[in-house]
Amino acid sequence: MMTKEWIPNLQIGQDYDNKYRDADIHFDRLGTMADFFGRDMPVHMHADFCQIHFVLSGKTQFNIDQNQYKTSEAAIFYTPPATPHAFLTEANAPGYVLTLHHSIVNTLAEELGGHTQNRFLILPVCLTSGDMNPEKEKVFKTTLALIDIIKSEWASELTYKNDAILGLIKVLLLNIFRLSESGEKANSSTRHEIEIYKHFNRLVEENYKAEKTICFYCQQLDINESRLNYVCKKVSGAPPKTIINSRVILEAKRHIIHANRSLNELSYELGYLDPSYFSRFFQIKTGLTPSEYKKQNNQG
């Protein structure tokens, strides 16, 4: 039976700009898109695309998958693919929106290799110049300057236009990744360990509602529990059980905020036959009951 889509999946090439129906890249002014969708954009997602908003001035409120950001200056917001987000910008705030197929980010991550490919722009990012050191502030300004060059290429009919735009986007993505790094040196991980970790995360994404035991994932990966625990901690800093629980809690939060379901329905959807047990689990992990979490976020 087909499940009801509870978060709108907007396809820029179909819902907004038909000229780019099959395109991997779309670029436009923030104001032009805001005239179409509205400055107060309710929660939505782009299943196969990441999106980068460049707001050059003015106040902005951005919610990216439970992460809430408020800025009053130039800012860059990166939203990973299939990630619910909503935003509010001032009426005349200038800026641009760049929409990219996930394969572009994935290809660049693969080219970088090593530990970096596992961390490359998989989480939401909010960047402002106010809290950066001088070196990063220069990179921030360079990144905004790249937008002007991309805008010029986008409007041109020059030879190798698409190649030039793709090259500029790669530099832009690298800059966003540089700016979002904490500055702490990443632990080195072998390529095999990274592949195990990535495979584990794919399995979690496919099975977290039905399978929550470490044993299941170890069987699928054909490794023992201590090995999986070591790999997850080395690559991400978190044990496998935490990764599984975090994925369950993330989905629960999404449903609580965006879907009108009872506690019983939500519990069954996430693989818990006992709603009271699920409610206690949610409260232990978040500090709030599901109803308290819904009330708190509805007030926001």
Protein backbone atom coordinates (compact mmCIF):
# COMPACT_ATOMS: atom_id res chain seq x y z
CA MET A 1 0.00 0.00 0.00
CA MET A 2 1.35 3.44 -0.91
CA THR A 3 2.19 5.61 2.09
CA LYS A 4 1.01 9.19 2.16
CA GLU A 5 3.74 11.75 1.51
CA TRP A 6 3.82 13.90 4.63
CA ILE A 7 6.56 16.35 3.60
CA PRO A 8 6.22 17.89 0.11
CA ASN A 9 9.03 16.89 -2.23
CA LEU A 10 9.54 19.92 -4.49
CA GLN A 11 11.26 19.32 -7.81
CA ILE A 12 12.69 22.61 -9.06
CA GLY A 13 12.69 21.39 -12.69
CA GLN A 14 8.99 20.50 -12.53
CA ASP A 15 7.36 22.60 -9.83
CA TYR A 16 9.20 25.85 -10.63
CA ASP A 17 11.34 25.98 -13.79
CA ASN A 18 10.29 23.53 -16.50
CA LYS A 19 13.22 24.50 -18.70
CA TYR A 20 15.47 22.59 -16.29
CA ARG A 21 13.28 19.48 -15.89
CA ASP A 22 16.19 17.04 -16.36
CA ALA A 23 19.05 19.31 -15.26
CA ASP A 24 21.50 18.52 -12.47
CA ILE A 25 22.09 22.21 -11.65
CA HIS A 26 19.70 25.11 -11.19
CA PHE A 27 20.64 28.68 -10.24
CA ASP A 28 18.38 31.66 -9.63
CA ARG A 29 17.94 34.84 -7.65
CA LEU A 30 16.44 34.42 -4.19
CA GLY A 31 13.90 37.13 -4.96
CA THR A 32 12.68 35.46 -8.16
CA MET A 33 12.10 32.15 -6.39
CA ALA A 34 10.56 33.94 -3.40
CA ASP A 35 8.04 35.62 -5.72
CA PHE A 36 6.99 32.13 -6.80
CA PHE A 37 7.18 30.14 -3.55
CA GLY A 38 6.94 32.97 -0.98
CA ARG A 39 9.40 34.47 1.49
CA ASP A 40 7.83 32.43 4.30
CA MET A 41 8.47 28.99 2.83
CA PRO A 42 6.86 26.13 4.78
CA VAL A 43 8.63 22.83 5.38
CA HIS A 44 9.53 20.86 2.27
CA MET A 45 12.42 18.87 0.84
CA HIS A 46 14.20 18.02 -2.41
CA ALA A 47 14.66 14.24 -2.46
CA ASP A 48 17.59 13.98 -4.86
CA PHE A 49 19.00 17.49 -4.60
CA CYS A 50 20.96 19.55 -2.11
CA GLN A 51 20.33 23.28 -1.95
CA ILE A 52 22.49 26.25 -1.02
CA HIS A 53 20.95 29.61 -0.11
CA PHE A 54 23.17 32.67 -0.25
CA VAL A 55 21.52 35.55 1.62
CA LEU A 56 23.57 38.71 1.13
CA SER A 57 21.86 40.85 3.80
CA GLY A 58 18.81 41.07 6.04
CA LYS A 59 17.31 38.89 8.74
CA THR A 60 16.76 35.21 8.01
CA GLN A 61 15.19 32.34 9.95
CA PHE A 62 16.10 28.91 8.67
CA ASN A 63 15.02 25.51 9.99
CA ILE A 64 16.92 22.55 8.56
CA ASP A 65 15.80 19.21 10.00
CA GLN A 66 15.47 20.29 13.65
CA ASN A 67 18.39 22.75 13.40
CA GLN A 68 17.17 26.33 13.82
CA TYR A 69 19.26 29.27 12.62
CA LYS A 70 18.63 33.00 12.89
CA THR A 71 20.94 35.46 11.15
CA SER A 72 20.95 39.21 10.54
CA GLU A 73 23.87 39.44 8.10
CA ALA A 74 25.27 37.75 5.00
CA ALA A 75 24.84 33.99 5.40
CA ILE A 76 25.20 30.71 3.54
CA PHE A 77 22.81 27.83 4.27
CA TYR A 78 23.57 24.33 2.96
CA THR A 79 20.73 21.77 3.00
CA PRO A 80 21.65 18.12 2.21
CA PRO A 81 19.43 16.03 -0.10
CA ALA A 82 16.11 14.70 1.23
CA THR A 83 16.34 16.97 4.28
CA PRO A 84 13.20 18.82 5.44
CA HIS A 85 13.70 22.57 5.67
CA ALA A 86 11.75 25.80 5.97
CA PHE A 87 12.80 29.43 5.95
CA LEU A 88 11.70 33.04 6.31
CA THR A 89 13.58 35.96 4.74
CA GLU A 90 12.91 39.68 4.82
CA ALA A 91 10.81 41.06 1.97
CA ASN A 92 13.68 42.52 -0.04
CA ALA A 93 16.62 40.44 1.18
CA PRO A 94 18.95 39.90 -1.81
CA GLY A 95 20.60 36.58 -2.56
CA TYR A 96 20.76 33.47 -4.71
CA VAL A 97 19.71 29.81 -4.58
CA LEU A 98 21.84 27.02 -6.04
CA THR A 99 20.23 23.57 -6.40
CA LEU A 100 22.50 20.58 -7.14
CA HIS A 101 21.83 16.92 -7.80
CA HIS A 102 23.33 14.80 -5.02
CA SER A 103 25.63 13.05 -7.51
CA ILE A 104 27.67 16.25 -7.89
CA VAL A 105 28.44 16.36 -4.17
CA ASN A 106 29.02 12.60 -4.03
CA THR A 107 31.43 12.68 -6.98
CA LEU A 108 33.48 15.44 -5.39
CA ALA A 109 33.53 13.56 -2.08
CA GLU A 110 34.80 10.45 -3.86
CA GLU A 111 37.50 12.49 -5.60
CA LEU A 112 38.71 13.79 -2.24
CA GLY A 113 39.06 10.22 -0.94
CA GLY A 114 39.99 9.06 2.54
CA HIS A 115 38.16 10.17 5.68
CA THR A 116 36.94 13.38 4.08
CA GLN A 117 34.53 11.65 1.71
CA ASN A 118 32.62 10.29 4.69
CA ARG A 119 32.10 13.77 6.15
CA PHE A 120 31.77 15.88 3.02
CA LEU A 121 28.62 18.01 3.37
CA ILE A 122 26.39 15.29 4.79
CA LEU A 123 25.04 17.58 7.54
CA PRO A 124 23.27 20.97 7.36
CA VAL A 125 25.53 24.03 7.44
CA CYS A 126 24.90 27.65 8.42
CA LEU A 127 27.77 30.08 7.81
CA THR A 128 28.05 33.75 8.74
CA SER A 129 31.15 35.92 8.76
CA GLY A 130 30.56 37.26 12.26
CA ASP A 131 32.07 34.36 14.23
CA MET A 132 34.99 33.48 11.94
CA ASN A 133 38.70 34.04 12.26
CA PRO A 134 40.33 36.35 9.67
CA GLU A 135 41.50 33.47 7.48
CA LYS A 136 38.06 31.88 7.27
CA GLU A 137 36.45 35.28 6.75
CA LYS A 138 38.54 35.65 3.59
CA VAL A 139 37.30 32.25 2.38
CA PHE A 140 33.72 33.33 3.16
CA LYS A 141 34.10 36.48 1.05
CA THR A 142 35.72 34.47 -1.75
CA THR A 143 32.78 32.08 -1.69
CA LEU A 144 30.29 34.92 -2.08
CA ALA A 145 32.43 36.33 -4.90
CA LEU A 146 32.19 32.95 -6.67
CA ILE A 147 28.43 33.43 -6.83
CA ASP A 148 28.87 36.51 -9.01
CA ILE A 149 31.05 34.52 -11.42
CA ILE A 150 28.55 31.65 -11.49
CA LYS A 151 25.76 34.17 -12.14
CA SER A 152 27.73 35.59 -15.08
CA GLU A 153 28.43 32.14 -16.56
CA TRP A 154 24.81 31.06 -16.03
CA ALA A 155 23.57 34.00 -18.11
CA SER A 156 26.17 33.52 -20.86
CA GLU A 157 26.24 31.39 -24.00
CA LEU A 158 30.01 30.91 -23.99
CA THR A 159 31.69 27.71 -25.09
CA TYR A 160 32.38 25.24 -22.26
CA LYS A 161 29.74 27.04 -20.19
CA ASN A 162 28.62 23.91 -18.32
CA ASP A 163 32.21 22.84 -17.61
CA ALA A 164 33.04 26.28 -16.24
CA ILE A 165 29.96 26.31 -13.99
CA LEU A 166 30.72 22.80 -12.68
CA GLY A 167 34.34 23.80 -11.93
CA LEU A 168 33.20 26.91 -10.05
CA ILE A 169 30.66 24.87 -8.09
CA LYS A 170 33.37 22.41 -7.03
CA VAL A 171 35.47 25.24 -5.60
CA LEU A 172 32.38 26.68 -3.93
CA LEU A 173 31.52 23.34 -2.28
CA LEU A 174 35.10 22.89 -1.10
CA ASN A 175 34.99 26.35 0.47
CA ILE A 176 31.74 25.58 2.26
CA PHE A 177 33.29 22.36 3.58
CA ARG A 178 36.42 24.24 4.71
CA LEU A 179 34.32 26.85 6.49
CA SER A 180 32.17 24.23 8.22
CA GLU A 181 35.11 22.23 9.59
CA SER A 182 35.71 22.53 13.32
CA GLY A 183 39.45 22.78 12.88
CA GLU A 184 40.09 19.55 14.75
CA LYS A 185 42.26 17.08 12.89
CA ALA A 186 40.22 14.10 11.77
CA ASN A 187 41.23 10.63 12.85
CA SER A 188 42.74 8.65 10.00
CA SER A 189 40.67 5.69 8.86
CA THR A 190 41.51 3.08 6.31
CA ARG A 191 39.44 2.90 3.14
CA HIS A 192 38.11 -0.50 4.21
CA GLU A 193 36.88 0.91 7.55
CA ILE A 194 35.14 3.78 5.76
CA GLU A 195 33.43 1.31 3.43
CA ILE A 196 32.23 -0.72 6.44
CA TYR A 197 30.90 2.43 8.09
CA LYS A 198 29.14 3.59 4.91
CA HIS A 199 27.63 0.13 4.39
CA PHE A 200 26.44 0.10 8.02
CA ASN A 201 24.76 3.48 7.55
CA ARG A 202 23.04 2.29 4.38
CA LEU A 203 21.76 -0.76 6.25
CA VAL A 204 20.51 1.42 9.10
CA GLU A 205 18.68 3.67 6.64
CA GLU A 206 16.98 0.66 5.06
CA ASN A 207 16.18 -1.28 8.25
CA TYR A 208 16.07 0.98 11.32
CA LYS A 209 12.30 0.73 11.70
CA ALA A 210 12.32 -3.07 11.88
CA GLU A 211 15.85 -3.90 13.09
CA LYS A 212 17.40 -2.18 16.08
CA THR A 213 19.83 -4.82 17.38
CA ILE A 214 23.56 -4.69 16.70
CA CYS A 215 23.47 -8.42 16.00
CA PHE A 216 21.37 -7.97 12.84
CA TYR A 217 23.79 -5.44 11.34
CA CYS A 218 26.83 -7.52 12.26
CA GLN A 219 25.31 -10.48 10.45
CA GLN A 220 24.63 -8.39 7.37
CA LEU A 221 28.17 -7.00 7.40
CA ASP A 222 29.72 -10.35 8.34
CA ILE A 223 31.75 -8.84 11.19
CA ASN A 224 31.62 -9.19 14.97
CA GLU A 225 30.18 -6.60 17.32
CA SER A 226 33.51 -5.39 18.70
CA ARG A 227 34.76 -4.73 15.14
CA LEU A 228 31.65 -2.73 14.21
CA ASN A 229 31.88 -0.80 17.47
CA TYR A 230 35.54 0.02 16.78
CA VAL A 231 34.87 1.16 13.19
CA CYS A 232 31.90 3.37 14.09
CA LYS A 233 33.75 5.04 16.95
CA LYS A 234 36.88 5.58 14.86
CA VAL A 235 35.10 7.06 11.85
CA SER A 236 32.25 9.00 13.48
CA GLY A 237 33.02 9.08 17.21
CA ALA A 238 29.73 7.33 18.02
CA PRO A 239 29.01 3.63 18.74
CA PRO A 240 26.63 1.75 16.39
CA LYS A 241 23.75 1.65 18.89
CA THR A 242 23.84 5.45 19.16
CA ILE A 243 23.72 5.75 15.37
CA ILE A 244 20.68 3.46 15.17
CA ASN A 245 18.89 5.24 18.02
CA SER A 246 19.69 8.66 16.56
CA ARG A 247 18.13 7.67 13.23
CA VAL A 248 14.97 6.47 15.01
CA ILE A 249 14.74 9.67 17.05
CA LEU A 250 15.31 11.84 13.99
CA GLU A 251 12.45 10.13 12.15
CA ALA A 252 10.25 10.39 15.23
CA LYS A 253 10.89 14.14 15.47
CA ARG A 254 10.05 14.57 11.79
CA HIS A 255 6.75 12.73 12.19
CA ILE A 256 5.83 14.50 15.42
CA ILE A 257 6.32 17.94 13.84
CA HIS A 258 5.14 17.36 10.30
CA ALA A 259 2.62 14.50 10.42
CA ASN A 260 -0.67 14.36 12.24
CA ARG A 261 -0.38 10.89 13.75
CA SER A 262 -1.32 9.50 17.12
CA LEU A 263 1.31 8.12 19.50
CA ASN A 264 0.12 4.59 18.71
CA GLU A 265 0.46 5.10 14.95
CA LEU A 266 3.91 6.65 15.32
CA SER A 267 5.08 3.84 17.60
CA TYR A 268 3.96 1.13 15.18
CA GLU A 269 5.45 3.03 12.23
CA LEU A 270 8.85 3.03 13.93
CA GLY A 271 8.69 -0.62 14.98
CA TYR A 272 7.53 -0.34 18.60
CA LEU A 273 4.52 -2.44 19.54
CA ASP A 274 4.27 -0.80 22.96
CA PRO A 275 3.55 2.96 22.64
CA SER A 276 4.35 3.59 26.32
CA TYR A 277 7.79 2.00 25.86
CA PHE A 278 8.40 4.16 22.79
CA SER A 279 7.32 7.27 24.71
CA ARG A 280 9.80 6.48 27.50
CA PHE A 281 12.55 5.81 24.95
CA PHE A 282 11.88 9.15 23.25
CA GLN A 283 11.89 10.99 26.58
CA ILE A 284 15.19 9.40 27.64
CA LYS A 285 16.85 10.45 24.36
CA THR A 286 15.40 13.96 24.09
CA GLY A 287 14.39 14.98 27.61
CA LEU A 288 10.79 15.47 26.45
CA THR A 289 7.77 13.25 25.89
CA PRO A 290 6.46 13.18 22.29
CA SER A 291 3.56 15.46 23.24
CA GLU A 292 5.89 17.91 25.00
CA TYR A 293 8.20 17.93 21.98
CA LYS A 294 5.28 18.64 19.64
CA LYS A 295 3.99 21.44 21.86
CA GLN A 296 7.44 23.02 22.17
CA ASN A 297 8.01 23.03 18.40
CA ASN A 298 4.51 24.24 17.57
CA GLN A 299 5.18 27.27 19.74
CA GLY A 300 8.37 28.06 17.77
